[in-house]
Amino acid sequence: MTQTSALPFSKVRTVGPLVFLSGELGIAADGSVPAGIEAQTRLCLERIAATLAGQGLALSDVVSVTAYLVDAADFAAFNGVYAAAFAEPRPVRTTVRTDLMLPGALVELTVIAHQKA
């Protein structure tokens, strides 16, 4: 698995009170990609939560999510996992059907969080 440090982008950028996270895939710690949209969505959210925690934030601080799904048929299953991760008021969200760069990846999520003053 290619580490993001070797790629030409930042994993996290802070601009004022906003924290922007690069797209996150459902990749296990060993670099493997689990089968199924639900497992990959959970891993994406766990990885996002860990990155946010490193910034002193949590999923409750997320204000915007862009979701990229490979298969529109996965939308309902994706929503089930997603809905369990975010309490009301949930972030605004855009969902796009697209191909992803990592073979076997079914979902990629990118988020914007807000740091409270």
PDB file of N, CA and C in Angstrom:
ATOM      1  N   MET A   1       0.847  -1.184   0.000  1.00  0.00           N
ATOM      2  CA  MET A   1       0.000   0.000   0.000  1.00  0.00           C
ATOM      3  C   MET A   1       0.884   1.234   0.000  1.00  0.00           C
ATOM      4  N   THR A   2       0.600   2.163  -0.846  1.00  0.00           N
ATOM      5  CA  THR A   2       1.345   3.407  -0.922  1.00  0.00           C
ATOM      6  C   THR A   2       0.976   4.304   0.252  1.00  0.00           C
ATOM      7  N   GLN A   3       1.954   4.809   0.949  1.00  0.00           N
ATOM      8  CA  GLN A   3       1.721   5.722   2.061  1.00  0.00           C
ATOM      9  C   GLN A   3       1.421   7.110   1.516  1.00  0.00           C
ATOM     10  N   THR A   4       0.526   7.836   2.182  1.00  0.00           N
ATOM     11  CA  THR A   4       0.180   9.168   1.703  1.00  0.00           C
ATOM     12  C   THR A   4       1.372  10.105   1.735  1.00  0.00           C
ATOM     13  N   SER A   5       2.361   9.851   2.610  1.00  0.00           N
ATOM     14  CA  SER A   5       3.525  10.725   2.673  1.00  0.00           C
ATOM     15  C   SER A   5       4.308  10.701   1.361  1.00  0.00           C
ATOM     16  N   ALA A   6       4.168   9.636   0.577  1.00  0.00           N
ATOM     17  CA  ALA A   6       4.857   9.533  -0.703  1.00  0.00           C
ATOM     18  C   ALA A   6       4.035  10.135  -1.843  1.00  0.00           C
ATOM     19  N   LEU A   7       2.811  10.533  -1.548  1.00  0.00           N
ATOM     20  CA  LEU A   7       1.928  11.085  -2.571  1.00  0.00           C
ATOM     21  C   LEU A   7       1.941  12.613  -2.495  1.00  0.00           C
ATOM     22  N   PRO A   8       1.664  13.279  -3.614  1.00  0.00           N
ATOM     23  CA  PRO A   8       1.794  14.740  -3.656  1.00  0.00           C
ATOM     24  C   PRO A   8       0.572  15.502  -3.122  1.00  0.00           C
ATOM     25  N   PHE A   9       0.167  15.192  -1.900  1.00  0.00           N
ATOM     26  CA  PHE A   9      -0.910  15.945  -1.268  1.00  0.00           C
ATOM     27  C   PHE A   9      -0.799  15.816   0.245  1.00  0.00           C
ATOM     28  N   SER A  10      -1.478  16.710   0.938  1.00  0.00           N
ATOM     29  CA  SER A  10      -1.513  16.679   2.403  1.00  0.00           C
ATOM     30  C   SER A  10      -2.685  15.834   2.866  1.00  0.00           C
ATOM     31  N   LYS A  11      -2.517  15.123   3.959  1.00  0.00           N
ATOM     32  CA  LYS A  11      -3.604  14.333   4.537  1.00  0.00           C
ATOM     33  C   LYS A  11      -4.593  15.248   5.253  1.00  0.00           C
ATOM     34  N   VAL A  12      -4.080  16.306   5.879  1.00  0.00           N
ATOM     35  CA  VAL A  12      -4.909  17.236   6.645  1.00  0.00           C
ATOM     36  C   VAL A  12      -4.402  18.650   6.400  1.00  0.00           C
ATOM     37  N   ARG A  13      -5.339  19.579   6.220  1.00  0.00           N
ATOM     38  CA  ARG A  13      -5.002  21.011   6.141  1.00  0.00           C
ATOM     39  C   ARG A  13      -6.009  21.779   6.967  1.00  0.00           C
ATOM     40  N   THR A  14      -5.510  22.736   7.724  1.00  0.00           N
ATOM     41  CA  THR A  14      -6.366  23.589   8.527  1.00  0.00           C
ATOM     42  C   THR A  14      -6.314  24.998   7.961  1.00  0.00           C
ATOM     43  N   VAL A  15      -7.483  25.572   7.744  1.00  0.00           N
ATOM     44  CA  VAL A  15      -7.603  26.944   7.265  1.00  0.00           C
ATOM     45  C   VAL A  15      -8.638  27.622   8.163  1.00  0.00           C
ATOM     46  N   GLY A  16      -8.161  28.517   9.006  1.00  0.00           N
ATOM     47  CA  GLY A  16      -9.059  29.133   9.975  1.00  0.00           C
ATOM     48  C   GLY A  16      -9.638  28.045  10.861  1.00  0.00           C
ATOM     49  N   PRO A  17     -10.954  28.068  11.068  1.00  0.00           N
ATOM     50  CA  PRO A  17     -11.564  27.058  11.929  1.00  0.00           C
ATOM     51  C   PRO A  17     -11.913  25.756  11.197  1.00  0.00           C
ATOM     52  N   LEU A  18     -11.618  25.689   9.895  1.00  0.00           N
ATOM     53  CA  LEU A  18     -11.969  24.506   9.116  1.00  0.00           C
ATOM     54  C   LEU A  18     -10.787  23.562   8.958  1.00  0.00           C
ATOM     55  N   VAL A  19     -11.073  22.262   9.082  1.00  0.00           N
ATOM     56  CA  VAL A  19     -10.059  21.222   8.927  1.00  0.00           C
ATOM     57  C   VAL A  19     -10.501  20.344   7.760  1.00  0.00           C
ATOM     58  N   PHE A  20      -9.665  20.275   6.740  1.00  0.00           N
ATOM     59  CA  PHE A  20      -9.953  19.524   5.520  1.00  0.00           C
ATOM     60  C   PHE A  20      -9.150  18.227   5.543  1.00  0.00           C
ATOM     61  N   LEU A  21      -9.823  17.101   5.336  1.00  0.00           N
ATOM     62  CA  LEU A  21      -9.148  15.811   5.270  1.00  0.00           C
ATOM     63  C   LEU A  21      -9.180  15.304   3.835  1.00  0.00           C
ATOM     64  N   SER A  22      -8.057  14.760   3.391  1.00  0.00           N
ATOM     65  CA  SER A  22      -8.006  14.126   2.072  1.00  0.00           C
ATOM     66  C   SER A  22      -8.904  12.903   2.078  1.00  0.00           C
ATOM     67  N   GLY A  23      -9.231  12.417   0.891  1.00  0.00           N
ATOM     68  CA  GLY A  23     -10.074  11.239   0.768  1.00  0.00           C
ATOM     69  C   GLY A  23      -9.496  10.055   1.527  1.00  0.00           C
ATOM     70  N   GLU A  24     -10.374   9.328   2.183  1.00  0.00           N
ATOM     71  CA  GLU A  24      -9.972   8.157   2.971  1.00  0.00           C
ATOM     72  C   GLU A  24     -10.645   6.917   2.404  1.00  0.00           C
ATOM     73  N   LEU A  25      -9.861   5.869   2.264  1.00  0.00           N
ATOM     74  CA  LEU A  25     -10.353   4.583   1.771  1.00  0.00           C
ATOM     75  C   LEU A  25     -10.482   3.603   2.931  1.00  0.00           C
ATOM     76  N   GLY A  26     -11.233   2.547   2.717  1.00  0.00           N
ATOM     77  CA  GLY A  26     -11.409   1.508   3.722  1.00  0.00           C
ATOM     78  C   GLY A  26     -10.289   0.488   3.664  1.00  0.00           C
ATOM     79  N   ILE A  27      -9.114   0.894   4.077  1.00  0.00           N
ATOM     80  CA  ILE A  27      -7.925   0.036   4.023  1.00  0.00           C
ATOM     81  C   ILE A  27      -7.583  -0.395   5.450  1.00  0.00           C
ATOM     82  N   ALA A  28      -7.380  -1.702   5.642  1.00  0.00           N
ATOM     83  CA  ALA A  28      -7.002  -2.227   6.955  1.00  0.00           C
ATOM     84  C   ALA A  28      -5.557  -1.844   7.280  1.00  0.00           C
ATOM     85  N   ALA A  29      -5.177  -1.985   8.531  1.00  0.00           N
ATOM     86  CA  ALA A  29      -3.825  -1.636   8.980  1.00  0.00           C
ATOM     87  C   ALA A  29      -2.745  -2.400   8.221  1.00  0.00           C
ATOM     88  N   ASP A  30      -3.058  -3.600   7.764  1.00  0.00           N
ATOM     89  CA  ASP A  30      -2.079  -4.398   7.015  1.00  0.00           C
ATOM     90  C   ASP A  30      -2.051  -4.061   5.524  1.00  0.00           C
ATOM     91  N   GLY A  31      -2.832  -3.055   5.114  1.00  0.00           N
ATOM     92  CA  GLY A  31      -2.855  -2.632   3.716  1.00  0.00           C
ATOM     93  C   GLY A  31      -3.872  -3.349   2.865  1.00  0.00           C
ATOM     94  N   SER A  32      -4.581  -4.300   3.440  1.00  0.00           N
ATOM     95  CA  SER A  32      -5.589  -5.036   2.666  1.00  0.00           C
ATOM     96  C   SER A  32      -6.888  -4.235   2.573  1.00  0.00           C
ATOM     97  N   VAL A  33      -7.674  -4.571   1.565  1.00  0.00           N
ATOM     98  CA  VAL A  33      -8.973  -3.942   1.367  1.00  0.00           C
ATOM     99  C   VAL A  33     -10.030  -5.017   1.607  1.00  0.00           C
ATOM    100  N   PRO A  34     -10.825  -4.881   2.673  1.00  0.00           N
ATOM    101  CA  PRO A  34     -11.817  -5.921   2.963  1.00  0.00           C
ATOM    102  C   PRO A  34     -12.921  -5.948   1.909  1.00  0.00           C
ATOM    103  N   ALA A  35     -13.561  -7.081   1.804  1.00  0.00           N
ATOM    104  CA  ALA A  35     -14.682  -7.221   0.877  1.00  0.00           C
ATOM    105  C   ALA A  35     -15.919  -6.552   1.479  1.00  0.00           C
ATOM    106  N   GLY A  36     -16.719  -5.941   0.632  1.00  0.00           N
ATOM    107  CA  GLY A  36     -18.013  -5.422   1.058  1.00  0.00           C
ATOM    108  C   GLY A  36     -18.023  -3.946   1.410  1.00  0.00           C
ATOM    109  N   ILE A  37     -19.095  -3.304   1.013  1.00  0.00           N
ATOM    110  CA  ILE A  37     -19.257  -1.869   1.236  1.00  0.00           C
ATOM    111  C   ILE A  37     -19.365  -1.533   2.714  1.00  0.00           C
ATOM    112  N   GLU A  38     -20.019  -2.376   3.502  1.00  0.00           N
ATOM    113  CA  GLU A  38     -20.187  -2.059   4.915  1.00  0.00           C
ATOM    114  C   GLU A  38     -18.846  -2.081   5.646  1.00  0.00           C
ATOM    115  N   ALA A  39     -18.043  -3.110   5.423  1.00  0.00           N
ATOM    116  CA  ALA A  39     -16.730  -3.196   6.074  1.00  0.00           C
ATOM    117  C   ALA A  39     -15.836  -2.038   5.642  1.00  0.00           C
ATOM    118  N   GLN A  40     -15.848  -1.723   4.356  1.00  0.00           N
ATOM    119  CA  GLN A  40     -15.005  -0.628   3.880  1.00  0.00           C
ATOM    120  C   GLN A  40     -15.480   0.720   4.409  1.00  0.00           C
ATOM    121  N   THR A  41     -16.791   0.921   4.499  1.00  0.00           N
ATOM    122  CA  THR A  41     -17.310   2.178   5.033  1.00  0.00           C
ATOM    123  C   THR A  41     -16.920   2.331   6.497  1.00  0.00           C
ATOM    124  N   ARG A  42     -17.046   1.246   7.283  1.00  0.00           N
ATOM    125  CA  ARG A  42     -16.644   1.306   8.695  1.00  0.00           C
ATOM    126  C   ARG A  42     -15.169   1.686   8.823  1.00  0.00           C
ATOM    127  N   LEU A  43     -14.322   1.053   8.005  1.00  0.00           N
ATOM    128  CA  LEU A  43     -12.890   1.363   8.060  1.00  0.00           C
ATOM    129  C   LEU A  43     -12.619   2.808   7.655  1.00  0.00           C
ATOM    130  N   CYS A  44     -13.276   3.290   6.620  1.00  0.00           N
ATOM    131  CA  CYS A  44     -13.119   4.710   6.226  1.00  0.00           C
ATOM    132  C   CYS A  44     -13.428   5.608   7.411  1.00  0.00           C
ATOM    133  N   LEU A  45     -14.553   5.350   8.051  1.00  0.00           N
ATOM    134  CA  LEU A  45     -14.974   6.195   9.169  1.00  0.00           C
ATOM    135  C   LEU A  45     -14.037   6.068  10.364  1.00  0.00           C
ATOM    136  N   GLU A  46     -13.528   4.865  10.624  1.00  0.00           N
ATOM    137  CA  GLU A  46     -12.556   4.689  11.708  1.00  0.00           C
ATOM    138  C   GLU A  46     -11.275   5.467  11.417  1.00  0.00           C
ATOM    139  N   ARG A  47     -10.815   5.403  10.180  1.00  0.00           N
ATOM    140  CA  ARG A  47      -9.594   6.123   9.808  1.00  0.00           C
ATOM    141  C   ARG A  47      -9.804   7.633   9.882  1.00  0.00           C
ATOM    142  N   ILE A  48     -10.966   8.089   9.451  1.00  0.00           N
ATOM    143  CA  ILE A  48     -11.289   9.516   9.545  1.00  0.00           C
ATOM    144  C   ILE A  48     -11.344   9.937  11.009  1.00  0.00           C
ATOM    145  N   ALA A  49     -12.004   9.136  11.848  1.00  0.00           N
ATOM    146  CA  ALA A  49     -12.097   9.456  13.276  1.00  0.00           C
ATOM    147  C   ALA A  49     -10.705   9.537  13.903  1.00  0.00           C
ATOM    148  N   ALA A  50      -9.808   8.642  13.513  1.00  0.00           N
ATOM    149  CA  ALA A  50      -8.441   8.667  14.054  1.00  0.00           C
ATOM    150  C   ALA A  50      -7.695   9.924  13.613  1.00  0.00           C
ATOM    151  N   THR A  51      -7.843  10.295  12.353  1.00  0.00           N
ATOM    152  CA  THR A  51      -7.190  11.513  11.856  1.00  0.00           C
ATOM    153  C   THR A  51      -7.749  12.739  12.570  1.00  0.00           C
ATOM    154  N   LEU A  52      -9.065  12.786  12.727  1.00  0.00           N
ATOM    155  CA  LEU A  52      -9.684  13.896  13.443  1.00  0.00           C
ATOM    156  C   LEU A  52      -9.198  13.956  14.890  1.00  0.00           C
ATOM    157  N   ALA A  53      -9.095  12.805  15.535  1.00  0.00           N
ATOM    158  CA  ALA A  53      -8.634  12.764  16.926  1.00  0.00           C
ATOM    159  C   ALA A  53      -7.235  13.358  17.053  1.00  0.00           C
ATOM    160  N   GLY A  54      -6.414  13.137  16.037  1.00  0.00           N
ATOM    161  CA  GLY A  54      -5.073  13.719  16.024  1.00  0.00           C
ATOM    162  C   GLY A  54      -5.094  15.236  15.941  1.00  0.00           C
ATOM    163  N   GLN A  55      -6.217  15.777  15.537  1.00  0.00           N
ATOM    164  CA  GLN A  55      -6.394  17.230  15.452  1.00  0.00           C
ATOM    165  C   GLN A  55      -7.235  17.759  16.615  1.00  0.00           C
ATOM    166  N   GLY A  56      -7.549  16.872  17.564  1.00  0.00           N
ATOM    167  CA  GLY A  56      -8.378  17.266  18.700  1.00  0.00           C
ATOM    168  C   GLY A  56      -9.853  17.342  18.364  1.00  0.00           C
ATOM    169  N   LEU A  57     -10.267  16.637  17.323  1.00  0.00           N
ATOM    170  CA  LEU A  57     -11.652  16.679  16.853  1.00  0.00           C
ATOM    171  C   LEU A  57     -12.275  15.283  16.859  1.00  0.00           C
ATOM    172  N   ALA A  58     -13.578  15.227  16.575  1.00  0.00           N
ATOM    173  CA  ALA A  58     -14.317  13.971  16.518  1.00  0.00           C
ATOM    174  C   ALA A  58     -15.267  14.008  15.325  1.00  0.00           C
ATOM    175  N   LEU A  59     -15.900  12.880  15.048  1.00  0.00           N
ATOM    176  CA  LEU A  59     -16.871  12.834  13.946  1.00  0.00           C
ATOM    177  C   LEU A  59     -17.987  13.859  14.149  1.00  0.00           C
ATOM    178  N   SER A  60     -18.301  14.186  15.394  1.00  0.00           N
ATOM    179  CA  SER A  60     -19.344  15.185  15.669  1.00  0.00           C
ATOM    180  C   SER A  60     -18.945  16.578  15.202  1.00  0.00           C
ATOM    181  N   ASP A  61     -17.665  16.798  14.883  1.00  0.00           N
ATOM    182  CA  ASP A  61     -17.196  18.088  14.385  1.00  0.00           C
ATOM    183  C   ASP A  61     -17.246  18.178  12.857  1.00  0.00           C
ATOM    184  N   VAL A  62     -17.590  17.090  12.190  1.00  0.00           N
ATOM    185  CA  VAL A  62     -17.654  17.067  10.725  1.00  0.00           C
ATOM    186  C   VAL A  62     -18.890  17.834  10.264  1.00  0.00           C
ATOM    187  N   VAL A  63     -18.684  18.758   9.327  1.00  0.00           N
ATOM    188  CA  VAL A  63     -19.796  19.556   8.807  1.00  0.00           C
ATOM    189  C   VAL A  63     -20.134  19.213   7.360  1.00  0.00           C
ATOM    190  N   SER A  64     -19.202  18.548   6.654  1.00  0.00           N
ATOM    191  CA  SER A  64     -19.443  18.222   5.244  1.00  0.00           C
ATOM    192  C   SER A  64     -18.725  16.924   4.891  1.00  0.00           C
ATOM    193  N   VAL A  65     -19.399  16.075   4.112  1.00  0.00           N
ATOM    194  CA  VAL A  65     -18.837  14.815   3.638  1.00  0.00           C
ATOM    195  C   VAL A  65     -19.087  14.705   2.140  1.00  0.00           C
ATOM    196  N   THR A  66     -18.065  14.291   1.407  1.00  0.00           N
ATOM    197  CA  THR A  66     -18.246  13.886   0.021  1.00  0.00           C
ATOM    198  C   THR A  66     -17.948  12.396  -0.029  1.00  0.00           C
ATOM    199  N   ALA A  67     -18.914  11.634  -0.513  1.00  0.00           N
ATOM    200  CA  ALA A  67     -18.791  10.180  -0.594  1.00  0.00           C
ATOM    201  C   ALA A  67     -18.698   9.777  -2.056  1.00  0.00           C
ATOM    202  N   TYR A  68     -17.735   8.922  -2.346  1.00  0.00           N
ATOM    203  CA  TYR A  68     -17.549   8.386  -3.688  1.00  0.00           C
ATOM    204  C   TYR A  68     -17.814   6.887  -3.626  1.00  0.00           C
ATOM    205  N   LEU A  69     -18.823   6.418  -4.349  1.00  0.00           N
ATOM    206  CA  LEU A  69     -19.181   5.005  -4.378  1.00  0.00           C
ATOM    207  C   LEU A  69     -18.936   4.444  -5.773  1.00  0.00           C
ATOM    208  N   VAL A  70     -18.367   3.250  -5.835  1.00  0.00           N
ATOM    209  CA  VAL A  70     -18.116   2.595  -7.114  1.00  0.00           C
ATOM    210  C   VAL A  70     -19.411   2.059  -7.703  1.00  0.00           C
ATOM    211  N   ASP A  71     -20.312   1.552  -6.859  1.00  0.00           N
ATOM    212  CA  ASP A  71     -21.531   0.900  -7.331  1.00  0.00           C
ATOM    213  C   ASP A  71     -22.743   1.543  -6.667  1.00  0.00           C
ATOM    214  N   ALA A  72     -23.628   2.106  -7.463  1.00  0.00           N
ATOM    215  CA  ALA A  72     -24.829   2.741  -6.926  1.00  0.00           C
ATOM    216  C   ALA A  72     -25.693   1.743  -6.161  1.00  0.00           C
ATOM    217  N   ALA A  73     -25.572   0.466  -6.453  1.00  0.00           N
ATOM    218  CA  ALA A  73     -26.333  -0.557  -5.735  1.00  0.00           C
ATOM    219  C   ALA A  73     -25.907  -0.657  -4.272  1.00  0.00           C
ATOM    220  N   ASP A  74     -24.742  -0.124  -3.915  1.00  0.00           N
ATOM    221  CA  ASP A  74     -24.248  -0.141  -2.536  1.00  0.00           C
ATOM    222  C   ASP A  74     -24.785   1.015  -1.696  1.00  0.00           C
ATOM    223  N   PHE A  75     -25.555   1.898  -2.298  1.00  0.00           N
ATOM    224  CA  PHE A  75     -25.985   3.125  -1.629  1.00  0.00           C
ATOM    225  C   PHE A  75     -26.729   2.855  -0.324  1.00  0.00           C
ATOM    226  N   ALA A  76     -27.682   1.950  -0.319  1.00  0.00           N
ATOM    227  CA  ALA A  76     -28.474   1.676   0.889  1.00  0.00           C
ATOM    228  C   ALA A  76     -27.601   1.100   2.006  1.00  0.00           C
ATOM    229  N   ALA A  77     -26.752   0.140   1.694  1.00  0.00           N
ATOM    230  CA  ALA A  77     -25.880  -0.462   2.703  1.00  0.00           C
ATOM    231  C   ALA A  77     -24.885   0.572   3.238  1.00  0.00           C
ATOM    232  N   PHE A  78     -24.348   1.388   2.352  1.00  0.00           N
ATOM    233  CA  PHE A  78     -23.460   2.477   2.756  1.00  0.00           C
ATOM    234  C   PHE A  78     -24.186   3.407   3.730  1.00  0.00           C
ATOM    235  N   ASN A  79     -25.406   3.805   3.382  1.00  0.00           N
ATOM    236  CA  ASN A  79     -26.179   4.715   4.235  1.00  0.00           C
ATOM    237  C   ASN A  79     -26.420   4.146   5.622  1.00  0.00           C
ATOM    238  N   GLY A  80     -26.614   2.834   5.728  1.00  0.00           N
ATOM    239  CA  GLY A  80     -26.832   2.217   7.028  1.00  0.00           C
ATOM    240  C   GLY A  80     -25.649   2.411   7.957  1.00  0.00           C
ATOM    241  N   VAL A  81     -24.445   2.167   7.448  1.00  0.00           N
ATOM    242  CA  VAL A  81     -23.233   2.336   8.255  1.00  0.00           C
ATOM    243  C   VAL A  81     -22.998   3.825   8.528  1.00  0.00           C
ATOM    244  N   TYR A  82     -23.149   4.641   7.505  1.00  0.00           N
ATOM    245  CA  TYR A  82     -22.934   6.083   7.618  1.00  0.00           C
ATOM    246  C   TYR A  82     -23.862   6.699   8.675  1.00  0.00           C
ATOM    247  N   ALA A  83     -25.151   6.356   8.612  1.00  0.00           N
ATOM    248  CA  ALA A  83     -26.132   6.936   9.532  1.00  0.00           C
ATOM    249  C   ALA A  83     -25.797   6.604  10.979  1.00  0.00           C
ATOM    250  N   ALA A  84     -25.255   5.412  11.222  1.00  0.00           N
ATOM    251  CA  ALA A  84     -24.897   5.015  12.583  1.00  0.00           C
ATOM    252  C   ALA A  84     -23.697   5.803  13.119  1.00  0.00           C
ATOM    253  N   ALA A  85     -22.891   6.356  12.233  1.00  0.00           N
ATOM    254  CA  ALA A  85     -21.669   7.056  12.641  1.00  0.00           C
ATOM    255  C   ALA A  85     -21.895   8.523  12.989  1.00  0.00           C
ATOM    256  N   PHE A  86     -22.931   9.114  12.423  1.00  0.00           N
ATOM    257  CA  PHE A  86     -23.153  10.550  12.602  1.00  0.00           C
ATOM    258  C   PHE A  86     -24.488  10.813  13.292  1.00  0.00           C
ATOM    259  N   ALA A  87     -24.412  11.521  14.425  1.00  0.00           N
ATOM    260  CA  ALA A  87     -25.616  11.920  15.152  1.00  0.00           C
ATOM    261  C   ALA A  87     -26.168  13.202  14.532  1.00  0.00           C
ATOM    262  N   GLU A  88     -27.388  13.530  14.886  1.00  0.00           N
ATOM    263  CA  GLU A  88     -27.999  14.784  14.447  1.00  0.00           C
ATOM    264  C   GLU A  88     -27.340  15.956  15.169  1.00  0.00           C
ATOM    265  N   PRO A  89     -27.141  17.067  14.537  1.00  0.00           N
ATOM    266  CA  PRO A  89     -27.381  17.289  13.121  1.00  0.00           C
ATOM    267  C   PRO A  89     -26.255  16.674  12.288  1.00  0.00           C
ATOM    268  N   ARG A  90     -26.635  15.894  11.324  1.00  0.00           N
ATOM    269  CA  ARG A  90     -25.644  15.228  10.483  1.00  0.00           C
ATOM    270  C   ARG A  90     -24.992  16.241   9.547  1.00  0.00           C
ATOM    271  N   PRO A  91     -23.778  15.909   9.071  1.00  0.00           N
ATOM    272  CA  PRO A  91     -23.110  16.792   8.112  1.00  0.00           C
ATOM    273  C   PRO A  91     -23.890  16.859   6.799  1.00  0.00           C
ATOM    274  N   VAL A  92     -23.687  17.932   6.059  1.00  0.00           N
ATOM    275  CA  VAL A  92     -24.188  17.961   4.689  1.00  0.00           C
ATOM    276  C   VAL A  92     -23.384  16.918   3.916  1.00  0.00           C
ATOM    277  N   ARG A  93     -23.962  16.391   2.832  1.00  0.00           N
ATOM    278  CA  ARG A  93     -23.254  15.334   2.115  1.00  0.00           C
ATOM    279  C   ARG A  93     -23.592  15.366   0.637  1.00  0.00           C
ATOM    280  N   THR A  94     -22.583  15.050  -0.166  1.00  0.00           N
ATOM    281  CA  THR A  94     -22.743  14.805  -1.590  1.00  0.00           C
ATOM    282  C   THR A  94     -22.241  13.396  -1.839  1.00  0.00           C
ATOM    283  N   THR A  95     -22.993  12.624  -2.628  1.00  0.00           N
ATOM    284  CA  THR A  95     -22.578  11.265  -2.968  1.00  0.00           C
ATOM    285  C   THR A  95     -22.451  11.167  -4.481  1.00  0.00           C
ATOM    286  N   VAL A  96     -21.311  10.648  -4.923  1.00  0.00           N
ATOM    287  CA  VAL A  96     -20.991  10.556  -6.343  1.00  0.00           C
ATOM    288  C   VAL A  96     -20.689   9.105  -6.696  1.00  0.00           C
ATOM    289  N   ARG A  97     -21.182   8.621  -7.806  1.00  0.00           N
ATOM    290  CA  ARG A  97     -20.837   7.287  -8.313  1.00  0.00           C
ATOM    291  C   ARG A  97     -19.654   7.454  -9.244  1.00  0.00           C
ATOM    292  N   THR A  98     -18.562   6.721  -8.975  1.00  0.00           N
ATOM    293  CA  THR A  98     -17.339   6.891  -9.745  1.00  0.00           C
ATOM    294  C   THR A  98     -16.451   5.659  -9.623  1.00  0.00           C
ATOM    295  N   ASP A  99     -15.421   5.596 -10.415  1.00  0.00           N
ATOM    296  CA  ASP A  99     -14.377   4.598 -10.238  1.00  0.00           C
ATOM    297  C   ASP A  99     -13.377   5.155  -9.236  1.00  0.00           C
ATOM    298  N   LEU A 100     -12.672   4.253  -8.539  1.00  0.00           N
ATOM    299  CA  LEU A 100     -11.650   4.673  -7.589  1.00  0.00           C
ATOM    300  C   LEU A 100     -10.296   4.140  -8.025  1.00  0.00           C
ATOM    301  N   MET A 101      -9.240   4.786  -7.566  1.00  0.00           N
ATOM    302  CA  MET A 101      -7.886   4.449  -7.999  1.00  0.00           C
ATOM    303  C   MET A 101      -7.383   3.127  -7.429  1.00  0.00           C
ATOM    304  N   LEU A 102      -7.799   2.756  -6.236  1.00  0.00           N
ATOM    305  CA  LEU A 102      -7.316   1.538  -5.583  1.00  0.00           C
ATOM    306  C   LEU A 102      -8.179   0.348  -6.012  1.00  0.00           C
ATOM    307  N   PRO A 103      -7.588  -0.657  -6.626  1.00  0.00           N
ATOM    308  CA  PRO A 103      -8.367  -1.836  -7.014  1.00  0.00           C
ATOM    309  C   PRO A 103      -9.055  -2.461  -5.800  1.00  0.00           C
ATOM    310  N   GLY A 104     -10.319  -2.773  -5.952  1.00  0.00           N
ATOM    311  CA  GLY A 104     -11.100  -3.375  -4.874  1.00  0.00           C
ATOM    312  C   GLY A 104     -11.776  -2.376  -3.963  1.00  0.00           C
ATOM    313  N   ALA A 105     -11.391  -1.108  -4.031  1.00  0.00           N
ATOM    314  CA  ALA A 105     -12.020  -0.084  -3.191  1.00  0.00           C
ATOM    315  C   ALA A 105     -13.431   0.188  -3.695  1.00  0.00           C
ATOM    316  N   LEU A 106     -14.373   0.244  -2.766  1.00  0.00           N
ATOM    317  CA  LEU A 106     -15.773   0.485  -3.104  1.00  0.00           C
ATOM    318  C   LEU A 106     -16.258   1.851  -2.665  1.00  0.00           C
ATOM    319  N   VAL A 107     -15.515   2.496  -1.735  1.00  0.00           N
ATOM    320  CA  VAL A 107     -15.948   3.774  -1.185  1.00  0.00           C
ATOM    321  C   VAL A 107     -14.726   4.605  -0.798  1.00  0.00           C
ATOM    322  N   GLU A 108     -14.859   5.898  -0.990  1.00  0.00           N
ATOM    323  CA  GLU A 108     -13.872   6.867  -0.503  1.00  0.00           C
ATOM    324  C   GLU A 108     -14.655   8.028   0.091  1.00  0.00           C
ATOM    325  N   LEU A 109     -14.201   8.506   1.238  1.00  0.00           N
ATOM    326  CA  LEU A 109     -14.859   9.621   1.912  1.00  0.00           C
ATOM    327  C   LEU A 109     -13.863  10.738   2.156  1.00  0.00           C
ATOM    328  N   THR A 110     -14.301  11.948   1.939  1.00  0.00           N
ATOM    329  CA  THR A 110     -13.508  13.110   2.309  1.00  0.00           C
ATOM    330  C   THR A 110     -14.403  14.015   3.151  1.00  0.00           C
ATOM    331  N   VAL A 111     -13.809  14.645   4.168  1.00  0.00           N
ATOM    332  CA  VAL A 111     -14.616  15.430   5.089  1.00  0.00           C
ATOM    333  C   VAL A 111     -13.994  16.794   5.362  1.00  0.00           C
ATOM    334  N   ILE A 112     -14.864  17.679   5.798  1.00  0.00           N
ATOM    335  CA  ILE A 112     -14.471  18.975   6.329  1.00  0.00           C
ATOM    336  C   ILE A 112     -15.042  19.046   7.740  1.00  0.00           C
ATOM    337  N   ALA A 113     -14.184  19.382   8.692  1.00  0.00           N
ATOM    338  CA  ALA A 113     -14.605  19.514  10.090  1.00  0.00           C
ATOM    339  C   ALA A 113     -14.429  20.960  10.533  1.00  0.00           C
ATOM    340  N   HIS A 114     -15.113  21.296  11.589  1.00  0.00           N
ATOM    341  CA  HIS A 114     -15.067  22.655  12.142  1.00  0.00           C
ATOM    342  C   HIS A 114     -14.515  22.608  13.555  1.00  0.00           C
ATOM    343  N   GLN A 115     -13.470  23.422  13.787  1.00  0.00           N
ATOM    344  CA  GLN A 115     -12.913  23.558  15.139  1.00  0.00           C
ATOM    345  C   GLN A 115     -13.702  24.622  15.880  1.00  0.00           C
ATOM    346  N   LYS A 116     -14.242  24.242  16.999  1.00  0.00           N
ATOM    347  CA  LYS A 116     -14.984  25.213  17.795  1.00  0.00           C
ATOM    348  C   LYS A 116     -14.002  26.124  18.530  1.00  0.00           C
ATOM    349  N   ALA A 117     -14.375  27.371  18.629  1.00  0.00           N
ATOM    350  CA  ALA A 117     -13.483  28.352  19.294  1.00  0.00           C
ATOM    351  C   ALA A 117     -13.458  28.156  20.778  1.00  0.00           C
TER     352      ALA A 117
END
